[in-house]
């Protein structure tokens, strides 16, 4: 029994069709949406601190310090992978702004001017 081998051009077409149907992982959109959600959470933490719920604000800020690394890292991955690099940079900037330690440092810098 002989097996028919497909022509070389046919294999290339099949391989190209498989590549075109695969969708890349949405690192950029996940990073940006997560960064915006963390920024909103930081606003909630600031509101908690100004209304007197210092314990809840402290816990939220400590969680935000750790969680803001995730959208920043996803933004770096999206920046390296290629498509939508502008959104990847935006996600990285928003995640830095959403970090309470960085926000305090920047506001202290402006306060000393």
C-alpha atoms as a PDB file:
ATOM      1  CA  UNK A   1       0.000   0.000   0.000  1.00  0.00           C
ATOM      2  CA  UNK A   2       1.359   3.305  -1.019  1.00  0.00           C
ATOM      3  CA  UNK A   3       0.497   6.444   0.846  1.00  0.00           C
ATOM      4  CA  UNK A   4       0.105   9.508  -1.242  1.00  0.00           C
ATOM      5  CA  UNK A   5       2.258  12.360   0.003  1.00  0.00           C
ATOM      6  CA  UNK A   6       0.805  15.814  -0.473  1.00  0.00           C
ATOM      7  CA  UNK A   7       2.696  18.349  -2.506  1.00  0.00           C
ATOM      8  CA  UNK A   8       4.949  20.778  -0.676  1.00  0.00           C
ATOM      9  CA  UNK A   9       2.765  23.759  -1.563  1.00  0.00           C
ATOM     10  CA  UNK A  10      -0.265  22.017  -0.042  1.00  0.00           C
ATOM     11  CA  UNK A  11       1.503  21.570   3.294  1.00  0.00           C
ATOM     12  CA  UNK A  12       2.474  25.231   3.355  1.00  0.00           C
ATOM     13  CA  UNK A  13      -1.127  26.265   2.694  1.00  0.00           C
ATOM     14  CA  UNK A  14      -2.421  24.051   5.493  1.00  0.00           C
ATOM     15  CA  UNK A  15       0.204  25.376   7.901  1.00  0.00           C
ATOM     16  CA  UNK A  16      -0.600  28.976   6.923  1.00  0.00           C
ATOM     17  CA  UNK A  17      -4.333  28.356   7.386  1.00  0.00           C
ATOM     18  CA  UNK A  18      -3.715  26.983  10.884  1.00  0.00           C
ATOM     19  CA  UNK A  19      -1.652  30.050  11.806  1.00  0.00           C
ATOM     20  CA  UNK A  20      -4.271  32.476  10.514  1.00  0.00           C
ATOM     21  CA  UNK A  21      -7.095  30.838  12.484  1.00  0.00           C
ATOM     22  CA  UNK A  22      -5.171  30.905  15.765  1.00  0.00           C
ATOM     23  CA  UNK A  23      -5.888  33.967  17.820  1.00  0.00           C
ATOM     24  CA  UNK A  24      -3.176  35.451  20.001  1.00  0.00           C
ATOM     25  CA  UNK A  25      -3.750  35.697  23.716  1.00  0.00           C
ATOM     26  CA  UNK A  26      -5.266  39.087  24.568  1.00  0.00           C
ATOM     27  CA  UNK A  27      -2.463  40.220  26.888  1.00  0.00           C
ATOM     28  CA  UNK A  28      -2.985  43.865  26.018  1.00  0.00           C
ATOM     29  CA  UNK A  29      -6.693  44.069  26.754  1.00  0.00           C
ATOM     30  CA  UNK A  30      -6.411  41.973  29.918  1.00  0.00           C
ATOM     31  CA  UNK A  31      -3.543  44.143  31.160  1.00  0.00           C
ATOM     32  CA  UNK A  32      -5.372  47.397  30.460  1.00  0.00           C
ATOM     33  CA  UNK A  33      -8.708  46.318  31.941  1.00  0.00           C
ATOM     34  CA  UNK A  34      -6.994  44.952  35.053  1.00  0.00           C
ATOM     35  CA  UNK A  35      -4.953  48.147  35.458  1.00  0.00           C
ATOM     36  CA  UNK A  36      -8.097  50.296  35.203  1.00  0.00           C
ATOM     37  CA  UNK A  37      -9.906  48.056  37.712  1.00  0.00           C
ATOM     38  CA  UNK A  38      -6.994  48.436  40.135  1.00  0.00           C
ATOM     39  CA  UNK A  39      -7.022  52.200  39.620  1.00  0.00           C
ATOM     40  CA  UNK A  40     -10.721  52.260  40.521  1.00  0.00           C
ATOM     41  CA  UNK A  41      -9.942  50.126  43.577  1.00  0.00           C
ATOM     42  CA  UNK A  42      -7.295  52.665  44.583  1.00  0.00           C
ATOM     43  CA  UNK A  43      -9.938  55.378  44.400  1.00  0.00           C
ATOM     44  CA  UNK A  44     -12.102  53.283  46.713  1.00  0.00           C
ATOM     45  CA  UNK A  45      -9.151  52.889  49.105  1.00  0.00           C
ATOM     46  CA  UNK A  46      -8.572  56.647  49.127  1.00  0.00           C
ATOM     47  CA  UNK A  47     -12.267  57.156  49.842  1.00  0.00           C
ATOM     48  CA  UNK A  48     -12.081  54.641  52.700  1.00  0.00           C
ATOM     49  CA  UNK A  49      -9.081  56.464  54.157  1.00  0.00           C
ATOM     50  CA  UNK A  50     -10.767  59.867  54.012  1.00  0.00           C
ATOM     51  CA  UNK A  51     -13.970  58.594  55.633  1.00  0.00           C
ATOM     52  CA  UNK A  52     -12.115  57.087  58.584  1.00  0.00           C
ATOM     53  CA  UNK A  53     -11.955  53.394  57.671  1.00  0.00           C
ATOM     54  CA  UNK A  54      -8.194  53.287  58.025  1.00  0.00           C
ATOM     55  CA  UNK A  55      -7.895  49.523  58.563  1.00  0.00           C
ATOM     56  CA  UNK A  56      -9.821  48.716  55.366  1.00  0.00           C
ATOM     57  CA  UNK A  57      -7.876  51.351  53.424  1.00  0.00           C
ATOM     58  CA  UNK A  58      -4.559  49.954  54.660  1.00  0.00           C
ATOM     59  CA  UNK A  59      -5.428  46.391  53.694  1.00  0.00           C
ATOM     60  CA  UNK A  60      -6.663  47.523  50.282  1.00  0.00           C
ATOM     61  CA  UNK A  61      -3.492  49.550  49.683  1.00  0.00           C
ATOM     62  CA  UNK A  62      -1.287  46.626  50.664  1.00  0.00           C
ATOM     63  CA  UNK A  63      -3.153  44.345  48.261  1.00  0.00           C
ATOM     64  CA  UNK A  64      -2.848  46.946  45.522  1.00  0.00           C
ATOM     65  CA  UNK A  65       0.911  47.167  46.046  1.00  0.00           C
ATOM     66  CA  UNK A  66       1.224  43.507  45.110  1.00  0.00           C
ATOM     67  CA  UNK A  67      -1.528  43.247  42.507  1.00  0.00           C
ATOM     68  CA  UNK A  68      -0.355  46.162  40.360  1.00  0.00           C
ATOM     69  CA  UNK A  69       2.621  44.054  39.305  1.00  0.00           C
ATOM     70  CA  UNK A  70       0.309  41.783  37.278  1.00  0.00           C
ATOM     71  CA  UNK A  71      -0.968  44.311  34.691  1.00  0.00           C
ATOM     72  CA  UNK A  72       2.517  45.823  34.453  1.00  0.00           C
ATOM     73  CA  UNK A  73       4.023  42.402  33.651  1.00  0.00           C
ATOM     74  CA  UNK A  74       1.229  41.629  31.164  1.00  0.00           C
ATOM     75  CA  UNK A  75       1.862  45.021  29.562  1.00  0.00           C
ATOM     76  CA  UNK A  76       5.548  44.182  29.168  1.00  0.00           C
ATOM     77  CA  UNK A  77       4.643  40.841  27.566  1.00  0.00           C
ATOM     78  CA  UNK A  78       2.172  42.565  25.230  1.00  0.00           C
ATOM     79  CA  UNK A  79       4.762  45.193  24.359  1.00  0.00           C
ATOM     80  CA  UNK A  80       7.274  42.516  23.397  1.00  0.00           C
ATOM     81  CA  UNK A  81       4.766  40.394  21.461  1.00  0.00           C
ATOM     82  CA  UNK A  82       3.851  43.196  19.116  1.00  0.00           C
ATOM     83  CA  UNK A  83       0.262  44.117  18.324  1.00  0.00           C
ATOM     84  CA  UNK A  84      -1.389  47.033  20.098  1.00  0.00           C
ATOM     85  CA  UNK A  85       1.820  48.324  21.680  1.00  0.00           C
ATOM     86  CA  UNK A  86       0.202  51.649  22.511  1.00  0.00           C
ATOM     87  CA  UNK A  87      -2.376  49.930  24.700  1.00  0.00           C
ATOM     88  CA  UNK A  88       0.387  47.904  26.342  1.00  0.00           C
ATOM     89  CA  UNK A  89       2.243  51.088  27.262  1.00  0.00           C
ATOM     90  CA  UNK A  90      -1.022  52.604  28.535  1.00  0.00           C
ATOM     91  CA  UNK A  91      -1.616  49.534  30.715  1.00  0.00           C
ATOM     92  CA  UNK A  92       1.877  49.828  32.158  1.00  0.00           C
ATOM     93  CA  UNK A  93       1.418  53.546  32.926  1.00  0.00           C
ATOM     94  CA  UNK A  94      -2.002  53.008  34.532  1.00  0.00           C
ATOM     95  CA  UNK A  95      -0.643  50.140  36.639  1.00  0.00           C
ATOM     96  CA  UNK A  96       2.170  52.366  37.914  1.00  0.00           C
ATOM     97  CA  UNK A  97      -0.351  55.089  38.764  1.00  0.00           C
ATOM     98  CA  UNK A  98      -2.553  52.514  40.511  1.00  0.00           C
ATOM     99  CA  UNK A  99       0.309  51.484  42.795  1.00  0.00           C
ATOM    100  CA  UNK A 100      -0.231  53.322  46.115  1.00  0.00           C
ATOM    101  CA  UNK A 101       3.481  53.471  46.911  1.00  0.00           C
ATOM    102  CA  UNK A 102       4.278  55.085  43.556  1.00  0.00           C
ATOM    103  CA  UNK A 103       1.322  57.472  43.880  1.00  0.00           C
ATOM    104  CA  UNK A 104       2.488  58.577  47.332  1.00  0.00           C
ATOM    105  CA  UNK A 105       6.027  59.084  46.042  1.00  0.00           C
ATOM    106  CA  UNK A 106       4.868  61.201  43.093  1.00  0.00           C
ATOM    107  CA  UNK A 107       2.487  63.281  45.202  1.00  0.00           C
ATOM    108  CA  UNK A 108       5.211  63.839  47.815  1.00  0.00           C
ATOM    109  CA  UNK A 109       7.528  65.001  45.050  1.00  0.00           C
ATOM    110  CA  UNK A 110       4.969  67.510  43.793  1.00  0.00           C
ATOM    111  CA  UNK A 111       4.222  68.587  47.377  1.00  0.00           C
ATOM    112  CA  UNK A 112       7.840  69.498  47.963  1.00  0.00           C
ATOM    113  CA  UNK A 113       8.026  71.848  44.957  1.00  0.00           C
END
